[in-house]
């Protein structure tokens, strides 16, 4: 089942989780469960842009340009990735641009 596109939302990294980019891959620790999460190249691309200033649609646009991927696939992949990040408490979605709200 394809997740709904959340194109007008602003993803933002959960600041409670320490994160670093190491050799081109994002590495994130979730202290609540002591898990280490390592993202691939595309995941890291999305992660770096999850700053509360870019909408999901803007991230998809940039992903299509940089990776020469079809928009439909990029939308699906980014939506699924963000949903997984939300489930793991790595990322939050906001209705407006800016720093983490609430």
C-alpha atoms as a PDB file:
ATOM      1  CA  UNK A   1       0.000   0.000   0.000  1.00  0.00           C
ATOM      2  CA  UNK A   2       1.471   3.330  -1.044  1.00  0.00           C
ATOM      3  CA  UNK A   3       1.659   5.993   1.670  1.00  0.00           C
ATOM      4  CA  UNK A   4      -0.118   9.257   0.978  1.00  0.00           C
ATOM      5  CA  UNK A   5       2.123  11.933  -0.501  1.00  0.00           C
ATOM      6  CA  UNK A   6       2.828  14.578   2.067  1.00  0.00           C
ATOM      7  CA  UNK A   7       4.245  17.030  -0.422  1.00  0.00           C
ATOM      8  CA  UNK A   8       3.359  20.240   1.440  1.00  0.00           C
ATOM      9  CA  UNK A   9       4.845  19.134   4.789  1.00  0.00           C
ATOM     10  CA  UNK A  10       8.287  20.086   6.089  1.00  0.00           C
ATOM     11  CA  UNK A  11      10.357  17.146   7.335  1.00  0.00           C
ATOM     12  CA  UNK A  12      12.878  17.875  10.070  1.00  0.00           C
ATOM     13  CA  UNK A  13      15.449  15.716  11.805  1.00  0.00           C
ATOM     14  CA  UNK A  14      14.584  14.845  15.393  1.00  0.00           C
ATOM     15  CA  UNK A  15      17.163  16.889  17.308  1.00  0.00           C
ATOM     16  CA  UNK A  16      17.028  14.428  20.231  1.00  0.00           C
ATOM     17  CA  UNK A  17      19.016  11.965  18.113  1.00  0.00           C
ATOM     18  CA  UNK A  18      22.759  12.513  17.616  1.00  0.00           C
ATOM     19  CA  UNK A  19      23.654  12.255  13.912  1.00  0.00           C
ATOM     20  CA  UNK A  20      26.744  12.584  11.740  1.00  0.00           C
ATOM     21  CA  UNK A  21      27.638  12.112   8.095  1.00  0.00           C
ATOM     22  CA  UNK A  22      30.499   9.631   7.828  1.00  0.00           C
ATOM     23  CA  UNK A  23      31.955   8.857   4.405  1.00  0.00           C
ATOM     24  CA  UNK A  24      28.792  10.056   2.704  1.00  0.00           C
ATOM     25  CA  UNK A  25      26.334   8.113   4.871  1.00  0.00           C
ATOM     26  CA  UNK A  26      24.202   9.483   7.683  1.00  0.00           C
ATOM     27  CA  UNK A  27      24.633   7.670  10.983  1.00  0.00           C
ATOM     28  CA  UNK A  28      21.945   8.354  13.597  1.00  0.00           C
ATOM     29  CA  UNK A  29      21.630   7.086  17.159  1.00  0.00           C
ATOM     30  CA  UNK A  30      18.254   6.842  18.858  1.00  0.00           C
ATOM     31  CA  UNK A  31      19.049   7.074  22.586  1.00  0.00           C
ATOM     32  CA  UNK A  32      15.636   5.761  23.661  1.00  0.00           C
ATOM     33  CA  UNK A  33      16.411   2.297  22.275  1.00  0.00           C
ATOM     34  CA  UNK A  34      20.203   2.556  21.815  1.00  0.00           C
ATOM     35  CA  UNK A  35      19.870   1.794  18.095  1.00  0.00           C
ATOM     36  CA  UNK A  36      22.332   2.859  15.426  1.00  0.00           C
ATOM     37  CA  UNK A  37      20.765   3.719  12.051  1.00  0.00           C
ATOM     38  CA  UNK A  38      22.905   4.000   8.916  1.00  0.00           C
ATOM     39  CA  UNK A  39      21.373   5.512   5.784  1.00  0.00           C
ATOM     40  CA  UNK A  40      22.346   4.790   2.190  1.00  0.00           C
ATOM     41  CA  UNK A  41      23.188   7.511  -0.338  1.00  0.00           C
ATOM     42  CA  UNK A  42      19.577   8.393  -1.176  1.00  0.00           C
ATOM     43  CA  UNK A  43      18.466   8.221   2.465  1.00  0.00           C
ATOM     44  CA  UNK A  44      21.334  10.523   3.398  1.00  0.00           C
ATOM     45  CA  UNK A  45      20.328  12.893   0.572  1.00  0.00           C
ATOM     46  CA  UNK A  46      16.807  13.163   2.032  1.00  0.00           C
ATOM     47  CA  UNK A  47      18.131  13.319   5.618  1.00  0.00           C
ATOM     48  CA  UNK A  48      20.392  16.269   4.855  1.00  0.00           C
ATOM     49  CA  UNK A  49      17.455  18.195   3.410  1.00  0.00           C
ATOM     50  CA  UNK A  50      15.121  17.396   6.319  1.00  0.00           C
ATOM     51  CA  UNK A  51      15.881  20.732   7.932  1.00  0.00           C
ATOM     52  CA  UNK A  52      12.409  22.201   8.378  1.00  0.00           C
ATOM     53  CA  UNK A  53      13.020  24.599   5.473  1.00  0.00           C
ATOM     54  CA  UNK A  54      12.301  22.259   2.533  1.00  0.00           C
ATOM     55  CA  UNK A  55       8.945  20.690   1.746  1.00  0.00           C
ATOM     56  CA  UNK A  56       8.723  17.050   0.766  1.00  0.00           C
ATOM     57  CA  UNK A  57       7.883  18.221  -2.781  1.00  0.00           C
ATOM     58  CA  UNK A  58      11.068  20.311  -2.926  1.00  0.00           C
ATOM     59  CA  UNK A  59      13.139  17.344  -1.758  1.00  0.00           C
ATOM     60  CA  UNK A  60      11.492  15.141  -4.402  1.00  0.00           C
ATOM     61  CA  UNK A  61      12.233  17.746  -7.092  1.00  0.00           C
ATOM     62  CA  UNK A  62      15.893  17.883  -6.129  1.00  0.00           C
ATOM     63  CA  UNK A  63      16.128  14.091  -5.904  1.00  0.00           C
ATOM     64  CA  UNK A  64      14.732  13.789  -9.441  1.00  0.00           C
ATOM     65  CA  UNK A  65      17.331  16.249 -10.755  1.00  0.00           C
ATOM     66  CA  UNK A  66      20.318  14.786  -8.914  1.00  0.00           C
ATOM     67  CA  UNK A  67      19.559  11.084  -9.360  1.00  0.00           C
ATOM     68  CA  UNK A  68      17.671  11.197 -12.673  1.00  0.00           C
ATOM     69  CA  UNK A  69      14.753   9.221 -11.265  1.00  0.00           C
ATOM     70  CA  UNK A  70      11.116   9.376 -12.385  1.00  0.00           C
ATOM     71  CA  UNK A  71       8.957  11.642 -10.250  1.00  0.00           C
ATOM     72  CA  UNK A  72       6.402   8.947  -9.365  1.00  0.00           C
ATOM     73  CA  UNK A  73       9.116   6.658  -8.040  1.00  0.00           C
ATOM     74  CA  UNK A  74      10.837   9.507  -6.176  1.00  0.00           C
ATOM     75  CA  UNK A  75       7.545  10.513  -4.527  1.00  0.00           C
ATOM     76  CA  UNK A  76       6.876   6.946  -3.444  1.00  0.00           C
ATOM     77  CA  UNK A  77      10.410   6.342  -2.174  1.00  0.00           C
ATOM     78  CA  UNK A  78      10.657   9.635  -0.273  1.00  0.00           C
ATOM     79  CA  UNK A  79       7.201   9.173   1.301  1.00  0.00           C
ATOM     80  CA  UNK A  80       8.049   5.642   2.403  1.00  0.00           C
ATOM     81  CA  UNK A  81      11.452   6.706   3.724  1.00  0.00           C
ATOM     82  CA  UNK A  82       9.975   9.571   5.752  1.00  0.00           C
ATOM     83  CA  UNK A  83       7.257   7.270   7.132  1.00  0.00           C
ATOM     84  CA  UNK A  84       9.928   4.784   8.277  1.00  0.00           C
ATOM     85  CA  UNK A  85      11.925   7.621   9.835  1.00  0.00           C
ATOM     86  CA  UNK A  86       8.828   8.802  11.700  1.00  0.00           C
ATOM     87  CA  UNK A  87       8.164   5.268  12.972  1.00  0.00           C
ATOM     88  CA  UNK A  88      11.729   5.132  14.322  1.00  0.00           C
ATOM     89  CA  UNK A  89      11.462   8.657  15.782  1.00  0.00           C
ATOM     90  CA  UNK A  90      14.265   9.911  13.524  1.00  0.00           C
ATOM     91  CA  UNK A  91      12.267  12.580  11.738  1.00  0.00           C
ATOM     92  CA  UNK A  92       9.232  14.774  12.341  1.00  0.00           C
ATOM     93  CA  UNK A  93       6.814  16.370   9.847  1.00  0.00           C
ATOM     94  CA  UNK A  94       5.668  19.950  10.274  1.00  0.00           C
ATOM     95  CA  UNK A  95       2.920  21.953   8.641  1.00  0.00           C
ATOM     96  CA  UNK A  96       5.064  25.100   8.431  1.00  0.00           C
ATOM     97  CA  UNK A  97       8.708  25.890   7.772  1.00  0.00           C
ATOM     98  CA  UNK A  98      11.034  26.520  10.670  1.00  0.00           C
ATOM     99  CA  UNK A  99      12.729  24.824  13.604  1.00  0.00           C
ATOM    100  CA  UNK A 100      11.081  21.861  15.294  1.00  0.00           C
ATOM    101  CA  UNK A 101       7.688  22.791  16.670  1.00  0.00           C
ATOM    102  CA  UNK A 102       6.136  21.401  19.814  1.00  0.00           C
END
